[in-house]
Each structure stands twice: as structure tokens, then as C-alpha cells.
PDB file of N, CA and C in Angstrom:
ATOM      1  N   UNK A   1      53.584   1.187  67.923  1.00  0.00           N
ATOM      2  CA  UNK A   1      52.682   0.890  66.867  1.00  0.00           C
ATOM      3  C   UNK A   1      51.276   0.669  67.450  1.00  0.00           C
ATOM      4  N   UNK A   2      50.237   1.212  66.770  1.00  0.00           N
ATOM      5  CA  UNK A   2      48.852   1.115  67.234  1.00  0.00           C
ATOM      6  C   UNK A   2      48.223  -0.115  66.590  1.00  0.00           C
ATOM      7  N   UNK A   3      47.571  -0.935  67.410  1.00  0.00           N
ATOM      8  CA  UNK A   3      46.909  -2.122  66.881  1.00  0.00           C
ATOM      9  C   UNK A   3      45.396  -1.980  67.049  1.00  0.00           C
ATOM     10  N   UNK A   4      44.684  -2.495  66.082  1.00  0.00           N
ATOM     11  CA  UNK A   4      43.218  -2.475  66.139  1.00  0.00           C
ATOM     12  C   UNK A   4      42.769  -3.668  66.969  1.00  0.00           C
ATOM     13  N   UNK A   5      42.153  -3.418  68.111  1.00  0.00           N
ATOM     14  CA  UNK A   5      41.761  -4.512  69.002  1.00  0.00           C
ATOM     15  C   UNK A   5      40.480  -5.206  68.543  1.00  0.00           C
ATOM     16  N   UNK A   6      39.676  -4.511  67.743  1.00  0.00           N
ATOM     17  CA  UNK A   6      38.424  -5.102  67.285  1.00  0.00           C
ATOM     18  C   UNK A   6      38.664  -6.042  66.111  1.00  0.00           C
ATOM     19  N   UNK A   7      39.622  -5.784  65.349  1.00  0.00           N
ATOM     20  CA  UNK A   7      39.915  -6.616  64.200  1.00  0.00           C
ATOM     21  C   UNK A   7      39.321  -6.027  62.943  1.00  0.00           C
ATOM     22  N   UNK A   8      39.444  -6.722  61.862  1.00  0.00           N
ATOM     23  CA  UNK A   8      38.922  -6.205  60.600  1.00  0.00           C
ATOM     24  C   UNK A   8      37.387  -6.150  60.617  1.00  0.00           C
ATOM     25  N   UNK A   9      36.857  -5.260  59.833  1.00  0.00           N
ATOM     26  CA  UNK A   9      35.406  -5.106  59.734  1.00  0.00           C
ATOM     27  C   UNK A   9      34.820  -6.353  59.092  1.00  0.00           C
ATOM     28  N   UNK A  10      33.872  -6.988  59.740  1.00  0.00           N
ATOM     29  CA  UNK A  10      33.350  -8.268  59.277  1.00  0.00           C
ATOM     30  C   UNK A  10      32.186  -8.147  58.293  1.00  0.00           C
ATOM     31  N   UNK A  11      31.586  -6.986  58.213  1.00  0.00           N
ATOM     32  CA  UNK A  11      30.409  -6.825  57.368  1.00  0.00           C
ATOM     33  C   UNK A  11      30.801  -6.122  56.086  1.00  0.00           C
ATOM     34  N   UNK A  12      30.259  -6.602  54.988  1.00  0.00           N
ATOM     35  CA  UNK A  12      30.555  -5.949  53.713  1.00  0.00           C
ATOM     36  C   UNK A  12      29.739  -4.675  53.599  1.00  0.00           C
ATOM     37  N   UNK A  13      30.141  -3.817  52.732  1.00  0.00           N
ATOM     38  CA  UNK A  13      29.424  -2.550  52.545  1.00  0.00           C
ATOM     39  C   UNK A  13      28.100  -2.756  51.824  1.00  0.00           C
ATOM     40  N   UNK A  14      28.019  -3.740  51.017  1.00  0.00           N
ATOM     41  CA  UNK A  14      26.806  -3.998  50.246  1.00  0.00           C
ATOM     42  C   UNK A  14      26.096  -5.223  50.823  1.00  0.00           C
ATOM     43  N   UNK A  15      24.877  -5.029  51.290  1.00  0.00           N
ATOM     44  CA  UNK A  15      24.169  -6.197  51.811  1.00  0.00           C
ATOM     45  C   UNK A  15      23.869  -7.184  50.688  1.00  0.00           C
ATOM     46  N   UNK A  16      23.710  -8.401  51.066  1.00  0.00           N
ATOM     47  CA  UNK A  16      23.421  -9.432  50.069  1.00  0.00           C
ATOM     48  C   UNK A  16      22.040  -9.162  49.469  1.00  0.00           C
ATOM     49  N   UNK A  17      21.996  -9.010  48.201  1.00  0.00           N
ATOM     50  CA  UNK A  17      20.733  -8.677  47.537  1.00  0.00           C
ATOM     51  C   UNK A  17      19.957  -9.938  47.208  1.00  0.00           C
ATOM     52  N   UNK A  18      18.635  -9.811  47.292  1.00  0.00           N
ATOM     53  CA  UNK A  18      17.786 -10.957  47.006  1.00  0.00           C
ATOM     54  C   UNK A  18      17.531 -11.032  45.506  1.00  0.00           C
ATOM     55  N   UNK A  19      17.336 -12.229  45.040  1.00  0.00           N
ATOM     56  CA  UNK A  19      17.097 -12.419  43.615  1.00  0.00           C
ATOM     57  C   UNK A  19      15.687 -11.945  43.260  1.00  0.00           C
ATOM     58  N   UNK A  20      15.441 -11.742  41.998  1.00  0.00           N
ATOM     59  CA  UNK A  20      14.150 -11.245  41.534  1.00  0.00           C
ATOM     60  C   UNK A  20      12.999 -12.172  41.912  1.00  0.00           C
ATOM     61  N   UNK A  21      13.094 -13.480  41.745  1.00  0.00           N
ATOM     62  CA  UNK A  21      11.963 -14.338  42.167  1.00  0.00           C
ATOM     63  C   UNK A  21      11.675 -14.250  43.665  1.00  0.00           C
ATOM     64  N   UNK A  22      12.715 -14.074  44.471  1.00  0.00           N
ATOM     65  CA  UNK A  22      12.505 -13.937  45.908  1.00  0.00           C
ATOM     66  C   UNK A  22      11.773 -12.642  46.207  1.00  0.00           C
ATOM     67  N   UNK A  23      12.163 -11.559  45.555  1.00  0.00           N
ATOM     68  CA  UNK A  23      11.488 -10.271  45.769  1.00  0.00           C
ATOM     69  C   UNK A  23      10.032 -10.336  45.345  1.00  0.00           C
ATOM     70  N   UNK A  24       9.777 -10.931  44.175  1.00  0.00           N
ATOM     71  CA  UNK A  24       8.399 -11.044  43.679  1.00  0.00           C
ATOM     72  C   UNK A  24       7.573 -11.901  44.635  1.00  0.00           C
ATOM     73  N   UNK A  25       8.149 -12.975  45.136  1.00  0.00           N
ATOM     74  CA  UNK A  25       7.439 -13.824  46.091  1.00  0.00           C
ATOM     75  C   UNK A  25       7.090 -13.088  47.367  1.00  0.00           C
ATOM     76  N   UNK A  26       8.016 -12.286  47.863  1.00  0.00           N
ATOM     77  CA  UNK A  26       7.742 -11.502  49.074  1.00  0.00           C
ATOM     78  C   UNK A  26       6.652 -10.466  48.832  1.00  0.00           C
ATOM     79  N   UNK A  27       6.671  -9.836  47.686  1.00  0.00           N
ATOM     80  CA  UNK A  27       5.640  -8.837  47.356  1.00  0.00           C
ATOM     81  C   UNK A  27       4.273  -9.502  47.264  1.00  0.00           C
ATOM     82  N   UNK A  28       4.199 -10.636  46.572  1.00  0.00           N
ATOM     83  CA  UNK A  28       2.926 -11.350  46.425  1.00  0.00           C
ATOM     84  C   UNK A  28       2.412 -11.800  47.792  1.00  0.00           C
ATOM     85  N   UNK A  29       3.285 -12.331  48.630  1.00  0.00           N
ATOM     86  CA  UNK A  29       2.869 -12.771  49.963  1.00  0.00           C
ATOM     87  C   UNK A  29       2.366 -11.603  50.799  1.00  0.00           C
ATOM     88  N   UNK A  30       3.012 -10.460  50.688  1.00  0.00           N
ATOM     89  CA  UNK A  30       2.588  -9.281  51.437  1.00  0.00           C
ATOM     90  C   UNK A  30       1.219  -8.794  50.969  1.00  0.00           C
ATOM     91  N   UNK A  31       1.010  -8.772  49.663  1.00  0.00           N
ATOM     92  CA  UNK A  31      -0.280  -8.336  49.113  1.00  0.00           C
ATOM     93  C   UNK A  31      -1.388  -9.299  49.532  1.00  0.00           C
ATOM     94  N   UNK A  32      -1.137 -10.598  49.463  1.00  0.00           N
ATOM     95  CA  UNK A  32      -2.150 -11.576  49.864  1.00  0.00           C
ATOM     96  C   UNK A  32      -2.466 -11.465  51.356  1.00  0.00           C
ATOM     97  N   UNK A  33      -1.459 -11.251  52.175  1.00  0.00           N
ATOM     98  CA  UNK A  33      -1.705 -11.069  53.606  1.00  0.00           C
ATOM     99  C   UNK A  33      -2.545  -9.817  53.850  1.00  0.00           C
ATOM    100  N   UNK A  34      -2.290  -8.762  53.093  1.00  0.00           N
ATOM    101  CA  UNK A  34      -3.094  -7.549  53.207  1.00  0.00           C
ATOM    102  C   UNK A  34      -4.547  -7.794  52.844  1.00  0.00           C
ATOM    103  N   UNK A  35      -4.790  -8.568  51.765  1.00  0.00           N
ATOM    104  CA  UNK A  35      -6.169  -8.888  51.385  1.00  0.00           C
ATOM    105  C   UNK A  35      -6.869  -9.702  52.466  1.00  0.00           C
ATOM    106  N   UNK A  36      -6.160 -10.633  53.060  1.00  0.00           N
ATOM    107  CA  UNK A  36      -6.758 -11.448  54.117  1.00  0.00           C
ATOM    108  C   UNK A  36      -7.128 -10.587  55.315  1.00  0.00           C
ATOM    109  N   UNK A  37      -6.247  -9.678  55.689  1.00  0.00           N
ATOM    110  CA  UNK A  37      -6.521  -8.812  56.838  1.00  0.00           C
ATOM    111  C   UNK A  37      -7.676  -7.869  56.551  1.00  0.00           C
ATOM    112  N   UNK A  38      -7.653  -7.225  55.390  1.00  0.00           N
ATOM    113  CA  UNK A  38      -8.722  -6.287  55.027  1.00  0.00           C
ATOM    114  C   UNK A  38     -10.048  -7.026  54.871  1.00  0.00           C
ATOM    115  N   UNK A  39     -10.025  -8.201  54.263  1.00  0.00           N
ATOM    116  CA  UNK A  39     -11.245  -8.992  54.108  1.00  0.00           C
ATOM    117  C   UNK A  39     -11.822  -9.421  55.439  1.00  0.00           C
ATOM    118  N   UNK A  40     -10.961  -9.782  56.370  1.00  0.00           N
ATOM    119  CA  UNK A  40     -11.429 -10.172  57.693  1.00  0.00           C
ATOM    120  C   UNK A  40     -12.080  -9.031  58.427  1.00  0.00           C
ATOM    121  N   UNK A  41     -11.535  -7.858  58.277  1.00  0.00           N
ATOM    122  CA  UNK A  41     -12.106  -6.683  58.928  1.00  0.00           C
ATOM    123  C   UNK A  41     -13.424  -6.300  58.261  1.00  0.00           C
ATOM    124  N   UNK A  42     -13.470  -6.361  56.935  1.00  0.00           N
ATOM    125  CA  UNK A  42     -14.669  -5.937  56.215  1.00  0.00           C
ATOM    126  C   UNK A  42     -15.859  -6.855  56.471  1.00  0.00           C
ATOM    127  N   UNK A  43     -15.614  -8.157  56.613  1.00  0.00           N
ATOM    128  CA  UNK A  43     -16.713  -9.104  56.773  1.00  0.00           C
ATOM    129  C   UNK A  43     -16.846  -9.631  58.191  1.00  0.00           C
ATOM    130  N   UNK A  44     -16.276  -8.949  59.155  1.00  0.00           N
ATOM    131  CA  UNK A  44     -16.275  -9.444  60.527  1.00  0.00           C
ATOM    132  C   UNK A  44     -17.675  -9.561  61.109  1.00  0.00           C
ATOM    133  N   UNK A  45     -18.555  -8.622  60.845  1.00  0.00           N
ATOM    134  CA  UNK A  45     -19.871  -8.648  61.466  1.00  0.00           C
ATOM    135  C   UNK A  45     -20.979  -9.162  60.580  1.00  0.00           C
ATOM    136  N   UNK A  46     -20.682  -9.704  59.420  1.00  0.00           N
ATOM    137  CA  UNK A  46     -21.739 -10.101  58.498  1.00  0.00           C
ATOM    138  C   UNK A  46     -21.862 -11.612  58.390  1.00  0.00           C
ATOM    139  N   UNK A  47     -21.889 -12.306  59.516  1.00  0.00           N
ATOM    140  CA  UNK A  47     -21.995 -13.755  59.494  1.00  0.00           C
ATOM    141  C   UNK A  47     -23.388 -14.213  59.087  1.00  0.00           C
ATOM    142  N   UNK A  48     -24.398 -13.377  59.231  1.00  0.00           N
ATOM    143  CA  UNK A  48     -25.769 -13.753  58.923  1.00  0.00           C
ATOM    144  C   UNK A  48     -26.409 -12.712  58.018  1.00  0.00           C
ATOM    145  N   UNK A  49     -26.063 -12.692  56.699  1.00  0.00           N
ATOM    146  CA  UNK A  49     -26.570 -11.641  55.824  1.00  0.00           C
ATOM    147  C   UNK A  49     -28.048 -11.767  55.484  1.00  0.00           C
ATOM    148  N   UNK A  50     -28.702 -12.881  55.804  1.00  0.00           N
ATOM    149  CA  UNK A  50     -30.112 -13.063  55.477  1.00  0.00           C
ATOM    150  C   UNK A  50     -31.041 -12.229  56.328  1.00  0.00           C
ATOM    151  N   UNK A  51     -30.550 -11.622  57.396  1.00  0.00           N
ATOM    152  CA  UNK A  51     -31.385 -10.838  58.285  1.00  0.00           C
ATOM    153  C   UNK A  51     -31.309  -9.351  57.986  1.00  0.00           C
ATOM    154  N   UNK A  52     -31.157  -9.018  56.736  1.00  0.00           N
ATOM    155  CA  UNK A  52     -31.130  -7.608  56.338  1.00  0.00           C
ATOM    156  C   UNK A  52     -32.410  -7.313  55.562  1.00  0.00           C
ATOM    157  N   UNK A  53     -32.973  -6.142  55.827  1.00  0.00           N
ATOM    158  CA  UNK A  53     -34.171  -5.734  55.095  1.00  0.00           C
ATOM    159  C   UNK A  53     -33.954  -4.329  54.550  1.00  0.00           C
ATOM    160  N   UNK A  54     -34.699  -4.019  53.498  1.00  0.00           N
ATOM    161  CA  UNK A  54     -34.693  -2.674  52.923  1.00  0.00           C
ATOM    162  C   UNK A  54     -35.978  -1.997  53.364  1.00  0.00           C
ATOM    163  N   UNK A  55     -35.849  -0.804  53.900  1.00  0.00           N
ATOM    164  CA  UNK A  55     -37.006  -0.052  54.396  1.00  0.00           C
ATOM    165  C   UNK A  55     -37.783   0.492  53.193  1.00  0.00           C
ATOM    166  N   UNK A  56     -39.084   0.267  53.202  1.00  0.00           N
ATOM    167  CA  UNK A  56     -39.967   0.772  52.145  1.00  0.00           C
ATOM    168  C   UNK A  56     -40.713   2.006  52.651  1.00  0.00           C
ATOM    169  N   UNK A  57     -41.281   2.762  51.722  1.00  0.00           N
ATOM    170  CA  UNK A  57     -42.021   3.970  52.075  1.00  0.00           C
ATOM    171  C   UNK A  57     -43.178   3.612  53.008  1.00  0.00           C
ATOM    172  N   UNK A  58     -43.341   4.361  54.060  1.00  0.00           N
ATOM    173  CA  UNK A  58     -44.429   4.155  55.009  1.00  0.00           C
ATOM    174  C   UNK A  58     -44.082   3.228  56.161  1.00  0.00           C
ATOM    175  N   UNK A  59     -42.956   2.518  56.090  1.00  0.00           N
ATOM    176  CA  UNK A  59     -42.588   1.632  57.183  1.00  0.00           C
ATOM    177  C   UNK A  59     -41.974   2.426  58.332  1.00  0.00           C
ATOM    178  N   UNK A  60     -42.228   1.942  59.539  1.00  0.00           N
ATOM    179  CA  UNK A  60     -41.623   2.543  60.725  1.00  0.00           C
ATOM    180  C   UNK A  60     -40.820   1.476  61.450  1.00  0.00           C
ATOM    181  N   UNK A  61     -39.944   1.915  62.318  1.00  0.00           N
ATOM    182  CA  UNK A  61     -39.154   0.970  63.086  1.00  0.00           C
ATOM    183  C   UNK A  61     -40.051   0.140  64.003  1.00  0.00           C
ATOM    184  N   UNK A  62     -41.092   0.751  64.525  1.00  0.00           N
ATOM    185  CA  UNK A  62     -42.026   0.026  65.385  1.00  0.00           C
ATOM    186  C   UNK A  62     -42.784  -1.039  64.597  1.00  0.00           C
ATOM    187  N   UNK A  63     -43.201  -0.713  63.376  1.00  0.00           N
ATOM    188  CA  UNK A  63     -43.902  -1.697  62.543  1.00  0.00           C
ATOM    189  C   UNK A  63     -43.006  -2.861  62.150  1.00  0.00           C
ATOM    190  N   UNK A  64     -41.763  -2.552  61.840  1.00  0.00           N
ATOM    191  CA  UNK A  64     -40.805  -3.613  61.509  1.00  0.00           C
ATOM    192  C   UNK A  64     -40.575  -4.504  62.721  1.00  0.00           C
ATOM    193  N   UNK A  65     -40.460  -3.904  63.886  1.00  0.00           N
ATOM    194  CA  UNK A  65     -40.251  -4.679  65.109  1.00  0.00           C
ATOM    195  C   UNK A  65     -41.444  -5.580  65.405  1.00  0.00           C
ATOM    196  N   UNK A  66     -42.662  -5.061  65.219  1.00  0.00           N
ATOM    197  CA  UNK A  66     -43.865  -5.884  65.441  1.00  0.00           C
ATOM    198  C   UNK A  66     -43.932  -7.052  64.472  1.00  0.00           C
ATOM    199  N   UNK A  67     -43.547  -6.817  63.201  1.00  0.00           N
ATOM    200  CA  UNK A  67     -43.635  -7.856  62.174  1.00  0.00           C
ATOM    201  C   UNK A  67     -42.585  -8.950  62.375  1.00  0.00           C
ATOM    202  N   UNK A  68     -41.361  -8.564  62.653  1.00  0.00           N
ATOM    203  CA  UNK A  68     -40.259  -9.526  62.685  1.00  0.00           C
ATOM    204  C   UNK A  68     -39.980 -10.115  64.066  1.00  0.00           C
ATOM    205  N   UNK A  69     -40.532  -9.524  65.116  1.00  0.00           N
ATOM    206  CA  UNK A  69     -40.324 -10.017  66.475  1.00  0.00           C
ATOM    207  C   UNK A  69     -41.662 -10.136  67.200  1.00  0.00           C
ATOM    208  N   UNK A  70     -42.537 -11.053  66.783  1.00  0.00           N
ATOM    209  CA  UNK A  70     -43.860 -11.136  67.411  1.00  0.00           C
ATOM    210  C   UNK A  70     -43.829 -11.621  68.856  1.00  0.00           C
ATOM    211  N   UNK A  71     -42.818 -12.383  69.250  1.00  0.00           N
ATOM    212  CA  UNK A  71     -42.770 -12.926  70.612  1.00  0.00           C
ATOM    213  C   UNK A  71     -42.069 -11.987  71.592  1.00  0.00           C
ATOM    214  N   UNK A  72     -41.528 -10.874  71.103  1.00  0.00           N
ATOM    215  CA  UNK A  72     -40.773  -9.945  71.945  1.00  0.00           C
ATOM    216  C   UNK A  72     -41.573  -8.657  72.099  1.00  0.00           C
ATOM    217  N   UNK A  73     -41.354  -7.958  73.191  1.00  0.00           N
ATOM    218  CA  UNK A  73     -42.028  -6.671  73.341  1.00  0.00           C
ATOM    219  C   UNK A  73     -41.473  -5.700  72.296  1.00  0.00           C
ATOM    220  N   UNK A  74     -42.310  -4.808  71.825  1.00  0.00           N
ATOM    221  CA  UNK A  74     -41.936  -3.896  70.754  1.00  0.00           C
ATOM    222  C   UNK A  74     -40.795  -2.983  71.197  1.00  0.00           C
ATOM    223  N   UNK A  75     -40.833  -2.534  72.445  1.00  0.00           N
ATOM    224  CA  UNK A  75     -39.786  -1.640  72.934  1.00  0.00           C
ATOM    225  C   UNK A  75     -38.418  -2.313  72.922  1.00  0.00           C
ATOM    226  N   UNK A  76     -38.365  -3.580  73.337  1.00  0.00           N
ATOM    227  CA  UNK A  76     -37.099  -4.315  73.332  1.00  0.00           C
ATOM    228  C   UNK A  76     -36.608  -4.557  71.908  1.00  0.00           C
ATOM    229  N   UNK A  77     -37.531  -4.887  71.008  1.00  0.00           N
ATOM    230  CA  UNK A  77     -37.161  -5.141  69.620  1.00  0.00           C
ATOM    231  C   UNK A  77     -36.633  -3.875  68.953  1.00  0.00           C
ATOM    232  N   UNK A  78     -37.285  -2.737  69.196  1.00  0.00           N
ATOM    233  CA  UNK A  78     -36.829  -1.466  68.630  1.00  0.00           C
ATOM    234  C   UNK A  78     -35.445  -1.128  69.169  1.00  0.00           C
ATOM    235  N   UNK A  79     -35.229  -1.325  70.450  1.00  0.00           N
ATOM    236  CA  UNK A  79     -33.914  -1.055  71.045  1.00  0.00           C
ATOM    237  C   UNK A  79     -32.841  -1.948  70.441  1.00  0.00           C
ATOM    238  N   UNK A  80     -33.166  -3.225  70.216  1.00  0.00           N
ATOM    239  CA  UNK A  80     -32.200  -4.157  69.629  1.00  0.00           C
ATOM    240  C   UNK A  80     -31.855  -3.752  68.193  1.00  0.00           C
ATOM    241  N   UNK A  81     -32.852  -3.341  67.414  1.00  0.00           N
ATOM    242  CA  UNK A  81     -32.604  -2.916  66.033  1.00  0.00           C
ATOM    243  C   UNK A  81     -31.775  -1.633  66.010  1.00  0.00           C
ATOM    244  N   UNK A  82     -32.106  -0.694  66.890  1.00  0.00           N
ATOM    245  CA  UNK A  82     -31.335   0.553  66.961  1.00  0.00           C
ATOM    246  C   UNK A  82     -29.883   0.279  67.325  1.00  0.00           C
ATOM    247  N   UNK A  83     -29.657  -0.602  68.282  1.00  0.00           N
ATOM    248  CA  UNK A  83     -28.291  -0.918  68.708  1.00  0.00           C
ATOM    249  C   UNK A  83     -27.522  -1.641  67.598  1.00  0.00           C
ATOM    250  N   UNK A  84     -28.167  -2.568  66.917  1.00  0.00           N
ATOM    251  CA  UNK A  84     -27.488  -3.339  65.868  1.00  0.00           C
ATOM    252  C   UNK A  84     -27.119  -2.474  64.668  1.00  0.00           C
ATOM    253  N   UNK A  85     -27.883  -1.407  64.424  1.00  0.00           N
ATOM    254  CA  UNK A  85     -27.637  -0.551  63.266  1.00  0.00           C
ATOM    255  C   UNK A  85     -27.019   0.791  63.631  1.00  0.00           C
ATOM    256  N   UNK A  86     -26.645   0.961  64.894  1.00  0.00           N
ATOM    257  CA  UNK A  86     -26.008   2.191  65.374  1.00  0.00           C
ATOM    258  C   UNK A  86     -26.885   3.419  65.090  1.00  0.00           C
ATOM    259  N   UNK A  87     -28.179   3.275  65.341  1.00  0.00           N
ATOM    260  CA  UNK A  87     -29.119   4.379  65.137  1.00  0.00           C
ATOM    261  C   UNK A  87     -29.211   5.198  66.421  1.00  0.00           C
ATOM    262  N   UNK A  88     -29.364   6.506  66.251  1.00  0.00           N
ATOM    263  CA  UNK A  88     -29.509   7.373  67.420  1.00  0.00           C
ATOM    264  C   UNK A  88     -30.973   7.661  67.742  1.00  0.00           C
ATOM    265  N   UNK A  89     -31.861   7.351  66.788  1.00  0.00           N
ATOM    266  CA  UNK A  89     -33.286   7.545  67.019  1.00  0.00           C
ATOM    267  C   UNK A  89     -34.050   6.508  66.212  1.00  0.00           C
ATOM    268  N   UNK A  90     -35.378   6.530  66.352  1.00  0.00           N
ATOM    269  CA  UNK A  90     -36.214   5.566  65.643  1.00  0.00           C
ATOM    270  C   UNK A  90     -36.549   6.026  64.227  1.00  0.00           C
ATOM    271  N   UNK A  91     -36.010   7.143  63.781  1.00  0.00           N
ATOM    272  CA  UNK A  91     -36.289   7.648  62.442  1.00  0.00           C
ATOM    273  C   UNK A  91     -35.519   6.881  61.381  1.00  0.00           C
ATOM    274  N   UNK A  92     -36.245   6.331  60.409  1.00  0.00           N
ATOM    275  CA  UNK A  92     -35.629   5.612  59.291  1.00  0.00           C
ATOM    276  C   UNK A  92     -36.167   6.167  57.984  1.00  0.00           C
ATOM    277  N   UNK A  93     -35.423   5.939  56.887  1.00  0.00           N
ATOM    278  CA  UNK A  93     -35.809   6.468  55.576  1.00  0.00           C
ATOM    279  C   UNK A  93     -36.004   5.325  54.583  1.00  0.00           C
ATOM    280  N   UNK A  94     -36.879   5.505  53.598  1.00  0.00           N
ATOM    281  CA  UNK A  94     -37.041   4.487  52.558  1.00  0.00           C
ATOM    282  C   UNK A  94     -35.715   4.263  51.827  1.00  0.00           C
ATOM    283  N   UNK A  95     -35.431   2.986  51.544  1.00  0.00           N
ATOM    284  CA  UNK A  95     -34.202   2.618  50.863  1.00  0.00           C
ATOM    285  C   UNK A  95     -33.072   2.267  51.811  1.00  0.00           C
ATOM    286  N   UNK A  96     -33.228   2.592  53.082  1.00  0.00           N
ATOM    287  CA  UNK A  96     -32.202   2.283  54.079  1.00  0.00           C
ATOM    288  C   UNK A  96     -32.188   0.777  54.337  1.00  0.00           C
ATOM    289  N   UNK A  97     -31.000   0.212  54.486  1.00  0.00           N
ATOM    290  CA  UNK A  97     -30.858  -1.225  54.772  1.00  0.00           C
ATOM    291  C   UNK A  97     -30.623  -1.388  56.265  1.00  0.00           C
ATOM    292  N   UNK A  98     -31.451  -2.229  56.879  1.00  0.00           N
ATOM    293  CA  UNK A  98     -31.338  -2.467  58.315  1.00  0.00           C
ATOM    294  C   UNK A  98     -30.967  -3.929  58.565  1.00  0.00           C
ATOM    295  N   UNK A  99     -30.105  -4.131  59.529  1.00  0.00           N
ATOM    296  CA  UNK A  99     -29.764  -5.474  60.002  1.00  0.00           C
ATOM    297  C   UNK A  99     -30.677  -5.804  61.156  1.00  0.00           C
ATOM    298  N   UNK A 100     -31.324  -6.964  61.081  1.00  0.00           N
ATOM    299  CA  UNK A 100     -32.223  -7.409  62.147  1.00  0.00           C
ATOM    300  C   UNK A 100     -31.520  -8.489  62.948  1.00  0.00           C
ATOM    301  N   UNK A 101     -31.151  -8.197  64.192  1.00  0.00           N
ATOM    302  CA  UNK A 101     -30.461  -9.198  65.003  1.00  0.00           C
ATOM    303  C   UNK A 101     -31.388 -10.345  65.385  1.00  0.00           C
ATOM    304  N   UNK A 102     -30.795 -11.450  65.785  1.00  0.00           N
ATOM    305  CA  UNK A 102     -31.591 -12.609  66.216  1.00  0.00           C
ATOM    306  C   UNK A 102     -32.375 -12.233  67.453  1.00  0.00           C
ATOM    307  N   UNK A 103     -33.622 -12.721  67.551  1.00  0.00           N
ATOM    308  CA  UNK A 103     -34.462 -12.376  68.721  1.00  0.00           C
ATOM    309  C   UNK A 103     -33.939 -12.976  70.010  1.00  0.00           C
TER     310      UNK A 103
END
């Protein structure tokens, strides 16, 4: 006679199902965690929103640097503004919003 050495199967075929309030709670918690993560990523670099300006017609990056950074050399200020705004050149357009980093 052949005997089963492992014994009877201990796991049921149907996993224990969660109740509706438990499922709804898990869904809500997952959605809220997603909002927290997305919100953290979206607002990660905007700790100081007061240092944003809108470029007006006739303004240049050099003029903005002279006005907002009087104690710094213009070349350093222009480089800092370009780096903070991921600009590849000093060309800016009216209506563009620029972030001005701390001097």
C-alpha cells in the first residue's frame, strides 16, 4: 500500500476573501499614499515660490540679473539664473516665468 508522506493538503483552494470595508479601506489608503508621493514629487523644488518673476517685453536676462542681484557680478547672476531654470542660453521670451535663486 502507498502512503502519502507529506500528509493532507493544508491549504484550501479558495483563499480567505476580505470583507468589503477592508477592501475599500485598502483602496482609499493606496490612493492617499499615491497623492502624497505625487504631491511630494511635484512640489519638491518649490520651497520658495516668492522668487519667481514673469518676463516682460524688452527685458533681458542681464537686466534682470542687474536688478535683482546688485551685490553680485552680472556674469555669476546670469549663470545662476540659467542653471536654476535649466536654460541653455540667455535668450528669454515675454511671458516666461523664471525662478530667481537666492544670491
